[in-house]
Amino acid sequence: MFKKYGILGLLLIVFAQVNFFLKIELFSSWYFPIVWFGYILLLDAIVYRIAKNSLITNRLHQFLFLILLSIIFWWIYEFFNLSLGNWQYASANTLTSPFVNIFTILKASLSFATVLPAIAETYELISSIHFLDHFKLKSKHRITKKFLYIMIAIGIFTFITPILFSTYFFPVVWMAFFFILDPINYLAKEPSIISHLKDRKLLVPISLFIAGTITGFFWEFWNYHAVIKWYYNIPFIENIPIIGYKIFEMPLLGYLGYGPFAFSLYSMYHFTGTLHKEEKILEKKIKRVFS
């Protein structure tokens, strides 16, 4: 059975694609949520058709939570970009009245709400095909606390250096949260990339990397003809032959960043579970003190 919302998703994608050329307002200004919620609905319906289980149909609360976290996560990256200046939006509303500011924030948040669900749905589609199920490392690797602390130290380095030296270290910002949070998730016994590698299972890491890259390609593809779009300011890379060649607005080398970005989102998402677990532990300690 193919869910009806999947047909709606396909129609939204087709409409947005046609409107890139017709540029009918207000739809042109709202293309991002239109096309990406279309993408999300379509992929979820395909996943359900294949696996008889999907986020929207079977795990709606998780899907809605992904939307909320997606808004929060991407605003964090927007604040990073205040220092980095690596991307800027064309035709963005620059009026200064309080109403316009609030409206612009809400409109941007609706677009940001699609980032994490889009990668999650792409990941679920890749997982539902099962062609990566048997990919495993040849030998197990011992995970030591020293290794975890080194990862966290690298994460702090990749968190700070893009802010202080953005010209040379801006790409590492996409891996900062992975290096910081994934070891913490591992120690808290929450899902982590480290635990998958420890168990020699490559399904999740490879699927995530591919999902991030595929989603990144479509981000750039649908951005290219958009009215409200983003441009990149990437120092020195754009002038390097081959790797600086642009596919849409993104230099070729930049596409390698979407896989690590998916790792960071995965770590950020499961870190919310770690926080929830720590909150419960704290509640128990408080009860013991006052009991």
C-alpha atoms as a PDB file:
ATOM      1  CA  MET A   1       0.000   0.000   0.000  1.00  0.00           C
ATOM      2  CA  PHE A   2       1.326   3.416  -1.010  1.00  0.00           C
ATOM      3  CA  LYS A   3       0.275   6.120   1.435  1.00  0.00           C
ATOM      4  CA  LYS A   4      -1.738   9.017  -0.020  1.00  0.00           C
ATOM      5  CA  TYR A   5       0.529  11.590   1.598  1.00  0.00           C
ATOM      6  CA  GLY A   6       3.299  10.221  -0.640  1.00  0.00           C
ATOM      7  CA  ILE A   7       1.298  11.300  -3.692  1.00  0.00           C
ATOM      8  CA  LEU A   8       0.840  14.715  -2.067  1.00  0.00           C
ATOM      9  CA  GLY A   9       4.605  14.858  -1.526  1.00  0.00           C
ATOM     10  CA  LEU A  10       5.266  14.077  -5.193  1.00  0.00           C
ATOM     11  CA  LEU A  11       2.813  16.794  -6.285  1.00  0.00           C
ATOM     12  CA  LEU A  12       4.514  19.321  -3.988  1.00  0.00           C
ATOM     13  CA  ILE A  13       7.918  18.499  -5.510  1.00  0.00           C
ATOM     14  CA  VAL A  14       6.586  18.782  -9.071  1.00  0.00           C
ATOM     15  CA  PHE A  15       4.810  22.052  -8.272  1.00  0.00           C
ATOM     16  CA  ALA A  16       7.925  23.551  -6.669  1.00  0.00           C
ATOM     17  CA  GLN A  17      10.077  22.385  -9.589  1.00  0.00           C
ATOM     18  CA  VAL A  18       7.750  23.953 -12.181  1.00  0.00           C
ATOM     19  CA  ASN A  19       7.490  27.129 -10.124  1.00  0.00           C
ATOM     20  CA  PHE A  20      11.255  27.586 -10.196  1.00  0.00           C
ATOM     21  CA  PHE A  21      10.630  28.761 -13.772  1.00  0.00           C
ATOM     22  CA  LEU A  22       7.159  30.332 -13.398  1.00  0.00           C
ATOM     23  CA  LYS A  23       8.117  32.123 -10.160  1.00  0.00           C
ATOM     24  CA  ILE A  24       4.546  32.532  -8.959  1.00  0.00           C
ATOM     25  CA  GLU A  25       4.413  34.304  -5.616  1.00  0.00           C
ATOM     26  CA  LEU A  26       3.957  33.649  -2.730  1.00  0.00           C
ATOM     27  CA  PHE A  27       5.031  30.114  -3.617  1.00  0.00           C
ATOM     28  CA  SER A  28       8.484  31.131  -4.867  1.00  0.00           C
ATOM     29  CA  SER A  29       9.411  32.620  -1.511  1.00  0.00           C
ATOM     30  CA  TRP A  30       8.215  29.500   0.293  1.00  0.00           C
ATOM     31  CA  TYR A  31       9.809  26.995  -2.070  1.00  0.00           C
ATOM     32  CA  PHE A  32      12.103  25.429   0.558  1.00  0.00           C
ATOM     33  CA  PRO A  33       9.434  24.075   2.938  1.00  0.00           C
ATOM     34  CA  ILE A  34       7.184  23.199  -0.029  1.00  0.00           C
ATOM     35  CA  VAL A  35       9.739  21.083  -1.874  1.00  0.00           C
ATOM     36  CA  TRP A  36      11.345  19.582   1.240  1.00  0.00           C
ATOM     37  CA  PHE A  37       8.151  18.591   3.002  1.00  0.00           C
ATOM     38  CA  GLY A  38       7.204  17.082  -0.358  1.00  0.00           C
ATOM     39  CA  TYR A  39      10.480  15.143  -0.357  1.00  0.00           C
ATOM     40  CA  ILE A  40       9.898  13.990   3.235  1.00  0.00           C
ATOM     41  CA  LEU A  41       6.313  12.852   2.578  1.00  0.00           C
ATOM     42  CA  LEU A  42       7.285  11.030  -0.614  1.00  0.00           C
ATOM     43  CA  LEU A  43      10.221   9.182   0.933  1.00  0.00           C
ATOM     44  CA  ASP A  44       8.236   8.230   4.016  1.00  0.00           C
ATOM     45  CA  ALA A  45       5.525   6.708   1.819  1.00  0.00           C
ATOM     46  CA  ILE A  46       8.148   4.783  -0.182  1.00  0.00           C
ATOM     47  CA  VAL A  47       9.753   3.515   3.039  1.00  0.00           C
ATOM     48  CA  TYR A  48       6.363   2.364   4.326  1.00  0.00           C
ATOM     49  CA  ARG A  49       5.650   0.643   1.005  1.00  0.00           C
ATOM     50  CA  ILE A  50       8.929  -1.282   1.281  1.00  0.00           C
ATOM     51  CA  ALA A  51       9.215  -1.951   5.020  1.00  0.00           C
ATOM     52  CA  LYS A  52       5.614  -1.578   6.272  1.00  0.00           C
ATOM     53  CA  ASN A  53       7.039   0.766   8.896  1.00  0.00           C
ATOM     54  CA  SER A  54       7.866   4.470   8.657  1.00  0.00           C
ATOM     55  CA  LEU A  55       8.342   7.556  10.769  1.00  0.00           C
ATOM     56  CA  ILE A  56       5.089   9.332   9.902  1.00  0.00           C
ATOM     57  CA  THR A  57       2.835   6.262   9.930  1.00  0.00           C
ATOM     58  CA  ASN A  58       4.277   4.304  12.853  1.00  0.00           C
ATOM     59  CA  ARG A  59       6.448   6.744  14.831  1.00  0.00           C
ATOM     60  CA  LEU A  60       4.716  10.086  14.454  1.00  0.00           C
ATOM     61  CA  HIS A  61       5.867  11.350  17.868  1.00  0.00           C
ATOM     62  CA  GLN A  62       9.483  10.694  16.845  1.00  0.00           C
ATOM     63  CA  PHE A  63       8.912  12.457  13.516  1.00  0.00           C
ATOM     64  CA  LEU A  64       7.487  15.547  15.259  1.00  0.00           C
ATOM     65  CA  PHE A  65      10.410  15.498  17.693  1.00  0.00           C
ATOM     66  CA  LEU A  66      12.791  15.441  14.716  1.00  0.00           C
ATOM     67  CA  ILE A  67      11.084  18.552  13.345  1.00  0.00           C
ATOM     68  CA  LEU A  68      11.502  20.401  16.643  1.00  0.00           C
ATOM     69  CA  LEU A  69      15.132  19.380  17.039  1.00  0.00           C
ATOM     70  CA  SER A  70      15.845  20.248  13.412  1.00  0.00           C
ATOM     71  CA  ILE A  71      14.809  23.855  14.039  1.00  0.00           C
ATOM     72  CA  ILE A  72      17.005  24.078  17.133  1.00  0.00           C
ATOM     73  CA  PHE A  73      19.999  22.354  15.504  1.00  0.00           C
ATOM     74  CA  TRP A  74      20.052  24.504  12.385  1.00  0.00           C
ATOM     75  CA  TRP A  75      19.683  27.746  14.326  1.00  0.00           C
ATOM     76  CA  ILE A  76      22.860  26.682  16.153  1.00  0.00           C
ATOM     77  CA  TYR A  77      24.638  26.477  12.787  1.00  0.00           C
ATOM     78  CA  GLU A  78      23.181  29.844  11.793  1.00  0.00           C
ATOM     79  CA  PHE A  79      24.746  31.372  14.907  1.00  0.00           C
ATOM     80  CA  PHE A  80      28.035  29.717  13.935  1.00  0.00           C
ATOM     81  CA  ASN A  81      27.746  31.360  10.548  1.00  0.00           C
ATOM     82  CA  LEU A  82      27.615  34.811  12.140  1.00  0.00           C
ATOM     83  CA  SER A  83      31.318  34.261  12.764  1.00  0.00           C
ATOM     84  CA  LEU A  84      32.116  32.077   9.753  1.00  0.00           C
ATOM     85  CA  GLY A  85      30.241  34.024   7.089  1.00  0.00           C
ATOM     86  CA  ASN A  86      30.375  30.970   4.812  1.00  0.00           C
ATOM     87  CA  TRP A  87      26.878  31.316   3.417  1.00  0.00           C
ATOM     88  CA  GLN A  88      24.436  34.140   2.914  1.00  0.00           C
ATOM     89  CA  TYR A  89      20.855  34.318   1.704  1.00  0.00           C
ATOM     90  CA  ALA A  90      19.757  36.248  -1.363  1.00  0.00           C
ATOM     91  CA  SER A  91      16.459  38.160  -1.340  1.00  0.00           C
ATOM     92  CA  ALA A  92      16.194  37.752   2.419  1.00  0.00           C
ATOM     93  CA  ASN A  93      13.881  40.237   4.099  1.00  0.00           C
ATOM     94  CA  THR A  94      15.967  43.075   5.561  1.00  0.00           C
ATOM     95  CA  LEU A  95      13.174  45.190   7.031  1.00  0.00           C
ATOM     96  CA  THR A  96      13.599  46.000  10.701  1.00  0.00           C
ATOM     97  CA  SER A  97      10.093  46.218  12.171  1.00  0.00           C
ATOM     98  CA  PRO A  98       9.433  43.760  15.052  1.00  0.00           C
ATOM     99  CA  PHE A  99       6.620  42.051  13.131  1.00  0.00           C
ATOM    100  CA  VAL A 100       8.810  41.406  10.095  1.00  0.00           C
ATOM    101  CA  ASN A 101      11.636  40.115  12.273  1.00  0.00           C
ATOM    102  CA  ILE A 102       9.368  37.652  14.049  1.00  0.00           C
ATOM    103  CA  PHE A 103       7.762  36.612  10.758  1.00  0.00           C
ATOM    104  CA  THR A 104      11.171  36.106   9.142  1.00  0.00           C
ATOM    105  CA  ILE A 105      12.350  33.971  12.076  1.00  0.00           C
ATOM    106  CA  LEU A 106       9.198  31.833  11.930  1.00  0.00           C
ATOM    107  CA  LYS A 107       9.507  31.458   8.161  1.00  0.00           C
ATOM    108  CA  ALA A 108      13.168  30.473   8.444  1.00  0.00           C
ATOM    109  CA  SER A 109      12.331  28.028  11.244  1.00  0.00           C
ATOM    110  CA  LEU A 110       9.766  26.307   9.029  1.00  0.00           C
ATOM    111  CA  SER A 111      12.501  25.735   6.458  1.00  0.00           C
ATOM    112  CA  PHE A 112      14.977  24.601   9.115  1.00  0.00           C
ATOM    113  CA  ALA A 113      12.366  22.114  10.366  1.00  0.00           C
ATOM    114  CA  THR A 114      12.956  19.950   7.285  1.00  0.00           C
ATOM    115  CA  VAL A 115      16.731  19.425   7.620  1.00  0.00           C
ATOM    116  CA  LEU A 116      16.852  16.576  10.156  1.00  0.00           C
ATOM    117  CA  PRO A 117      13.672  14.796   8.912  1.00  0.00           C
ATOM    118  CA  ALA A 118      14.995  14.892   5.326  1.00  0.00           C
ATOM    119  CA  ILE A 119      18.235  13.145   6.292  1.00  0.00           C
ATOM    120  CA  ALA A 120      16.337  10.736   8.573  1.00  0.00           C
ATOM    121  CA  GLU A 121      13.918   9.738   5.796  1.00  0.00           C
ATOM    122  CA  THR A 122      16.778   9.288   3.320  1.00  0.00           C
ATOM    123  CA  TYR A 123      18.588   7.148   5.876  1.00  0.00           C
ATOM    124  CA  GLU A 124      15.447   5.057   6.462  1.00  0.00           C
ATOM    125  CA  LEU A 125      15.054   4.505   2.722  1.00  0.00           C
ATOM    126  CA  ILE A 126      18.653   3.323   2.381  1.00  0.00           C
ATOM    127  CA  SER A 127      18.247   1.044   5.425  1.00  0.00           C
ATOM    128  CA  SER A 128      14.987  -0.425   4.103  1.00  0.00           C
ATOM    129  CA  ILE A 129      16.724  -1.659   0.949  1.00  0.00           C
ATOM    130  CA  HIS A 130      19.138  -3.775   3.082  1.00  0.00           C
ATOM    131  CA  PHE A 131      21.997  -3.703   0.580  1.00  0.00           C
ATOM    132  CA  LEU A 132      24.427  -2.592   3.317  1.00  0.00           C
ATOM    133  CA  ASP A 133      23.343  -5.077   5.993  1.00  0.00           C
ATOM    134  CA  HIS A 134      26.351  -7.365   5.583  1.00  0.00           C
ATOM    135  CA  PHE A 135      29.028  -4.663   5.584  1.00  0.00           C
ATOM    136  CA  LYS A 136      31.229  -5.294   8.608  1.00  0.00           C
ATOM    137  CA  LEU A 137      34.723  -4.495   9.816  1.00  0.00           C
ATOM    138  CA  LYS A 138      37.053  -7.465   9.789  1.00  0.00           C
ATOM    139  CA  SER A 139      38.066  -7.165  13.426  1.00  0.00           C
ATOM    140  CA  LYS A 140      36.676  -5.620  16.591  1.00  0.00           C
ATOM    141  CA  HIS A 141      38.330  -2.551  18.029  1.00  0.00           C
ATOM    142  CA  ARG A 142      38.773  -1.864  21.721  1.00  0.00           C
ATOM    143  CA  ILE A 143      37.368   1.509  22.721  1.00  0.00           C
ATOM    144  CA  THR A 144      39.425   3.053  25.522  1.00  0.00           C
ATOM    145  CA  LYS A 145      38.677   6.109  27.624  1.00  0.00           C
ATOM    146  CA  LYS A 146      41.847   7.681  26.246  1.00  0.00           C
ATOM    147  CA  PHE A 147      40.430   7.313  22.728  1.00  0.00           C
ATOM    148  CA  LEU A 148      37.128   8.917  23.815  1.00  0.00           C
ATOM    149  CA  TYR A 149      38.901  11.826  25.528  1.00  0.00           C
ATOM    150  CA  ILE A 150      41.009  12.402  22.403  1.00  0.00           C
ATOM    151  CA  MET A 151      37.823  12.529  20.336  1.00  0.00           C
ATOM    152  CA  ILE A 152      36.289  15.085  22.693  1.00  0.00           C
ATOM    153  CA  ALA A 153      39.508  17.145  22.562  1.00  0.00           C
ATOM    154  CA  ILE A 154      39.372  17.080  18.755  1.00  0.00           C
ATOM    155  CA  GLY A 155      35.722  18.131  19.005  1.00  0.00           C
ATOM    156  CA  ILE A 156      36.585  21.130  21.168  1.00  0.00           C
ATOM    157  CA  PHE A 157      39.332  22.033  18.694  1.00  0.00           C
ATOM    158  CA  THR A 158      36.915  21.797  15.749  1.00  0.00           C
ATOM    159  CA  PHE A 159      34.368  23.837  17.721  1.00  0.00           C
ATOM    160  CA  ILE A 160      36.690  26.724  18.584  1.00  0.00           C
ATOM    161  CA  THR A 161      39.064  27.049  15.624  1.00  0.00           C
ATOM    162  CA  PRO A 162      36.390  27.850  12.987  1.00  0.00           C
ATOM    163  CA  ILE A 163      35.309  30.788  15.158  1.00  0.00           C
ATOM    164  CA  LEU A 164      38.866  32.071  15.735  1.00  0.00           C
ATOM    165  CA  PHE A 165      40.383  31.195  12.346  1.00  0.00           C
ATOM    166  CA  SER A 166      37.416  30.846  10.002  1.00  0.00           C
ATOM    167  CA  THR A 167      39.438  31.323   6.799  1.00  0.00           C
ATOM    168  CA  TYR A 168      41.275  28.033   7.226  1.00  0.00           C
ATOM    169  CA  PHE A 169      39.230  25.958   9.662  1.00  0.00           C
ATOM    170  CA  PHE A 170      35.634  26.629   8.570  1.00  0.00           C
ATOM    171  CA  PRO A 171      35.048  23.073   7.156  1.00  0.00           C
ATOM    172  CA  VAL A 172      35.674  21.314  10.485  1.00  0.00           C
ATOM    173  CA  VAL A 173      32.635  22.928  12.083  1.00  0.00           C
ATOM    174  CA  TRP A 174      30.484  20.238  10.436  1.00  0.00           C
ATOM    175  CA  MET A 175      32.211  17.540  12.501  1.00  0.00           C
ATOM    176  CA  ALA A 176      32.492  19.381  15.827  1.00  0.00           C
ATOM    177  CA  PHE A 177      29.323  18.057  17.429  1.00  0.00           C
ATOM    178  CA  PHE A 178      30.087  14.509  16.303  1.00  0.00           C
ATOM    179  CA  PHE A 179      33.508  14.491  17.976  1.00  0.00           C
ATOM    180  CA  ILE A 180      32.183  16.071  21.180  1.00  0.00           C
ATOM    181  CA  LEU A 181      28.839  14.316  21.598  1.00  0.00           C
ATOM    182  CA  ASP A 182      29.348  10.844  20.120  1.00  0.00           C
ATOM    183  CA  PRO A 183      31.821   9.782  22.867  1.00  0.00           C
ATOM    184  CA  ILE A 184      29.428  11.165  25.502  1.00  0.00           C
ATOM    185  CA  ASN A 185      26.563   9.168  23.979  1.00  0.00           C
ATOM    186  CA  TYR A 186      28.765   6.063  23.948  1.00  0.00           C
ATOM    187  CA  LEU A 187      29.611   6.464  27.633  1.00  0.00           C
ATOM    188  CA  ALA A 188      25.922   6.984  28.430  1.00  0.00           C
ATOM    189  CA  LYS A 189      25.064   3.802  26.491  1.00  0.00           C
ATOM    190  CA  GLU A 190      23.000   5.755  23.985  1.00  0.00           C
ATOM    191  CA  PRO A 191      23.243   4.977  20.224  1.00  0.00           C
ATOM    192  CA  SER A 192      26.539   6.239  18.790  1.00  0.00           C
ATOM    193  CA  ILE A 193      28.727   5.822  15.738  1.00  0.00           C
ATOM    194  CA  ILE A 194      31.472   4.572  18.047  1.00  0.00           C
ATOM    195  CA  SER A 195      29.321   1.698  19.344  1.00  0.00           C
ATOM    196  CA  HIS A 196      28.473   0.622  15.789  1.00  0.00           C
ATOM    197  CA  LEU A 197      32.147   0.586  14.819  1.00  0.00           C
ATOM    198  CA  LYS A 198      33.014  -1.270  18.024  1.00  0.00           C
ATOM    199  CA  ASP A 199      30.508  -3.982  17.052  1.00  0.00           C
ATOM    200  CA  ARG A 200      31.989  -4.011  13.510  1.00  0.00           C
ATOM    201  CA  LYS A 201      28.622  -2.976  12.045  1.00  0.00           C
ATOM    202  CA  LEU A 202      28.866  -0.429   9.223  1.00  0.00           C
ATOM    203  CA  LEU A 203      25.186  -0.215   8.272  1.00  0.00           C
ATOM    204  CA  VAL A 204      24.409   2.917  10.281  1.00  0.00           C
ATOM    205  CA  PRO A 205      27.648   4.883   9.586  1.00  0.00           C
ATOM    206  CA  ILE A 206      27.659   4.173   5.842  1.00  0.00           C
ATOM    207  CA  SER A 207      23.902   4.706   5.474  1.00  0.00           C
ATOM    208  CA  LEU A 208      24.145   8.006   7.343  1.00  0.00           C
ATOM    209  CA  PHE A 209      27.054   9.194   5.229  1.00  0.00           C
ATOM    210  CA  ILE A 210      25.230   8.319   2.000  1.00  0.00           C
ATOM    211  CA  ALA A 211      21.992   9.874   3.291  1.00  0.00           C
ATOM    212  CA  GLY A 212      23.781  13.109   4.153  1.00  0.00           C
ATOM    213  CA  THR A 213      25.445  13.251   0.731  1.00  0.00           C
ATOM    214  CA  ILE A 214      22.227  12.529  -1.188  1.00  0.00           C
ATOM    215  CA  THR A 215      20.284  15.093   0.816  1.00  0.00           C
ATOM    216  CA  GLY A 216      23.087  17.606   0.342  1.00  0.00           C
ATOM    217  CA  PHE A 217      22.960  17.125  -3.419  1.00  0.00           C
ATOM    218  CA  PHE A 218      19.231  17.875  -3.463  1.00  0.00           C
ATOM    219  CA  TRP A 219      19.704  20.885  -1.184  1.00  0.00           C
ATOM    220  CA  GLU A 220      22.080  22.349  -3.766  1.00  0.00           C
ATOM    221  CA  PHE A 221      20.005  21.196  -6.743  1.00  0.00           C
ATOM    222  CA  TRP A 222      16.775  22.831  -5.553  1.00  0.00           C
ATOM    223  CA  ASN A 223      18.602  25.892  -4.267  1.00  0.00           C
ATOM    224  CA  TYR A 224      20.163  26.700  -7.644  1.00  0.00           C
ATOM    225  CA  HIS A 225      17.069  28.151  -9.388  1.00  0.00           C
ATOM    226  CA  ALA A 226      15.351  29.439  -6.243  1.00  0.00           C
ATOM    227  CA  VAL A 227      14.298  33.034  -5.648  1.00  0.00           C
ATOM    228  CA  ILE A 228      15.313  32.967  -1.987  1.00  0.00           C
ATOM    229  CA  LYS A 229      18.545  31.035  -2.105  1.00  0.00           C
ATOM    230  CA  TRP A 230      21.933  30.901  -0.476  1.00  0.00           C
ATOM    231  CA  TYR A 231      25.395  31.580  -1.817  1.00  0.00           C
ATOM    232  CA  TYR A 232      28.722  30.436  -0.438  1.00  0.00           C
ATOM    233  CA  ASN A 233      31.767  32.424   0.528  1.00  0.00           C
ATOM    234  CA  ILE A 234      34.438  29.738   0.710  1.00  0.00           C
ATOM    235  CA  PRO A 235      37.978  31.139   0.934  1.00  0.00           C
ATOM    236  CA  PHE A 236      40.693  29.806  -1.436  1.00  0.00           C
ATOM    237  CA  ILE A 237      38.890  26.515  -2.282  1.00  0.00           C
ATOM    238  CA  GLU A 238      36.893  28.010  -5.146  1.00  0.00           C
ATOM    239  CA  ASN A 239      40.129  28.882  -6.968  1.00  0.00           C
ATOM    240  CA  ILE A 240      41.612  25.364  -6.791  1.00  0.00           C
ATOM    241  CA  PRO A 241      41.227  23.356 -10.056  1.00  0.00           C
ATOM    242  CA  ILE A 242      38.762  20.433 -10.041  1.00  0.00           C
ATOM    243  CA  ILE A 243      37.879  20.480  -6.316  1.00  0.00           C
ATOM    244  CA  GLY A 244      36.889  24.140  -6.623  1.00  0.00           C
ATOM    245  CA  TYR A 245      34.614  23.430  -9.589  1.00  0.00           C
ATOM    246  CA  LYS A 246      31.056  24.255  -8.641  1.00  0.00           C
ATOM    247  CA  ILE A 247      28.137  21.852  -8.923  1.00  0.00           C
ATOM    248  CA  PHE A 248      25.257  24.297  -8.553  1.00  0.00           C
ATOM    249  CA  GLU A 249      26.480  26.795  -5.886  1.00  0.00           C
ATOM    250  CA  MET A 250      28.675  24.327  -3.982  1.00  0.00           C
ATOM    251  CA  PRO A 251      32.333  23.561  -4.876  1.00  0.00           C
ATOM    252  CA  LEU A 252      32.923  19.860  -5.530  1.00  0.00           C
ATOM    253  CA  LEU A 253      34.990  19.431  -2.355  1.00  0.00           C
ATOM    254  CA  GLY A 254      32.133  20.834  -0.288  1.00  0.00           C
ATOM    255  CA  TYR A 255      29.973  17.787  -0.969  1.00  0.00           C
ATOM    256  CA  LEU A 256      32.299  15.744   1.229  1.00  0.00           C
ATOM    257  CA  GLY A 257      31.004  17.733   4.193  1.00  0.00           C
ATOM    258  CA  TYR A 258      27.441  16.431   4.065  1.00  0.00           C
ATOM    259  CA  GLY A 259      28.339  12.947   5.311  1.00  0.00           C
ATOM    260  CA  PRO A 260      30.116  14.246   8.444  1.00  0.00           C
ATOM    261  CA  PHE A 261      27.231  16.684   8.907  1.00  0.00           C
ATOM    262  CA  ALA A 262      24.860  13.693   9.066  1.00  0.00           C
ATOM    263  CA  PHE A 263      27.118  12.154  11.739  1.00  0.00           C
ATOM    264  CA  SER A 264      26.882  15.359  13.769  1.00  0.00           C
ATOM    265  CA  LEU A 265      23.080  15.455  13.496  1.00  0.00           C
ATOM    266  CA  TYR A 266      22.929  11.796  14.563  1.00  0.00           C
ATOM    267  CA  SER A 267      25.080  12.559  17.612  1.00  0.00           C
ATOM    268  CA  MET A 268      23.113  15.696  18.468  1.00  0.00           C
ATOM    269  CA  TYR A 269      19.823  13.813  18.210  1.00  0.00           C
ATOM    270  CA  HIS A 270      20.903  10.954  20.484  1.00  0.00           C
ATOM    271  CA  PHE A 271      22.528  13.397  22.908  1.00  0.00           C
ATOM    272  CA  THR A 272      18.982  14.492  23.787  1.00  0.00           C
ATOM    273  CA  GLY A 273      18.487  10.917  25.043  1.00  0.00           C
ATOM    274  CA  THR A 274      21.676  11.212  27.087  1.00  0.00           C
ATOM    275  CA  LEU A 275      20.415  14.454  28.625  1.00  0.00           C
ATOM    276  CA  HIS A 276      17.085  12.822  29.444  1.00  0.00           C
ATOM    277  CA  LYS A 277      18.881   9.904  31.091  1.00  0.00           C
ATOM    278  CA  GLU A 278      21.072  12.258  33.146  1.00  0.00           C
ATOM    279  CA  GLU A 279      17.992  14.215  34.174  1.00  0.00           C
ATOM    280  CA  LYS A 280      16.409  11.028  35.540  1.00  0.00           C
ATOM    281  CA  ILE A 281      19.608  10.163  37.441  1.00  0.00           C
ATOM    282  CA  LEU A 282      19.648  13.652  38.951  1.00  0.00           C
ATOM    283  CA  GLU A 283      15.998  13.331  39.979  1.00  0.00           C
ATOM    284  CA  LYS A 284      16.769  10.042  41.770  1.00  0.00           C
ATOM    285  CA  LYS A 285      19.704  11.613  43.617  1.00  0.00           C
ATOM    286  CA  ILE A 286      17.555  14.541  44.727  1.00  0.00           C
ATOM    287  CA  LYS A 287      14.853  12.157  45.990  1.00  0.00           C
ATOM    288  CA  ARG A 288      17.471  10.247  47.982  1.00  0.00           C
ATOM    289  CA  VAL A 289      18.741  13.459  49.588  1.00  0.00           C
ATOM    290  CA  PHE A 290      15.290  14.630  50.657  1.00  0.00           C
ATOM    291  CA  SER A 291      13.759  11.226  51.465  1.00  0.00           C
END
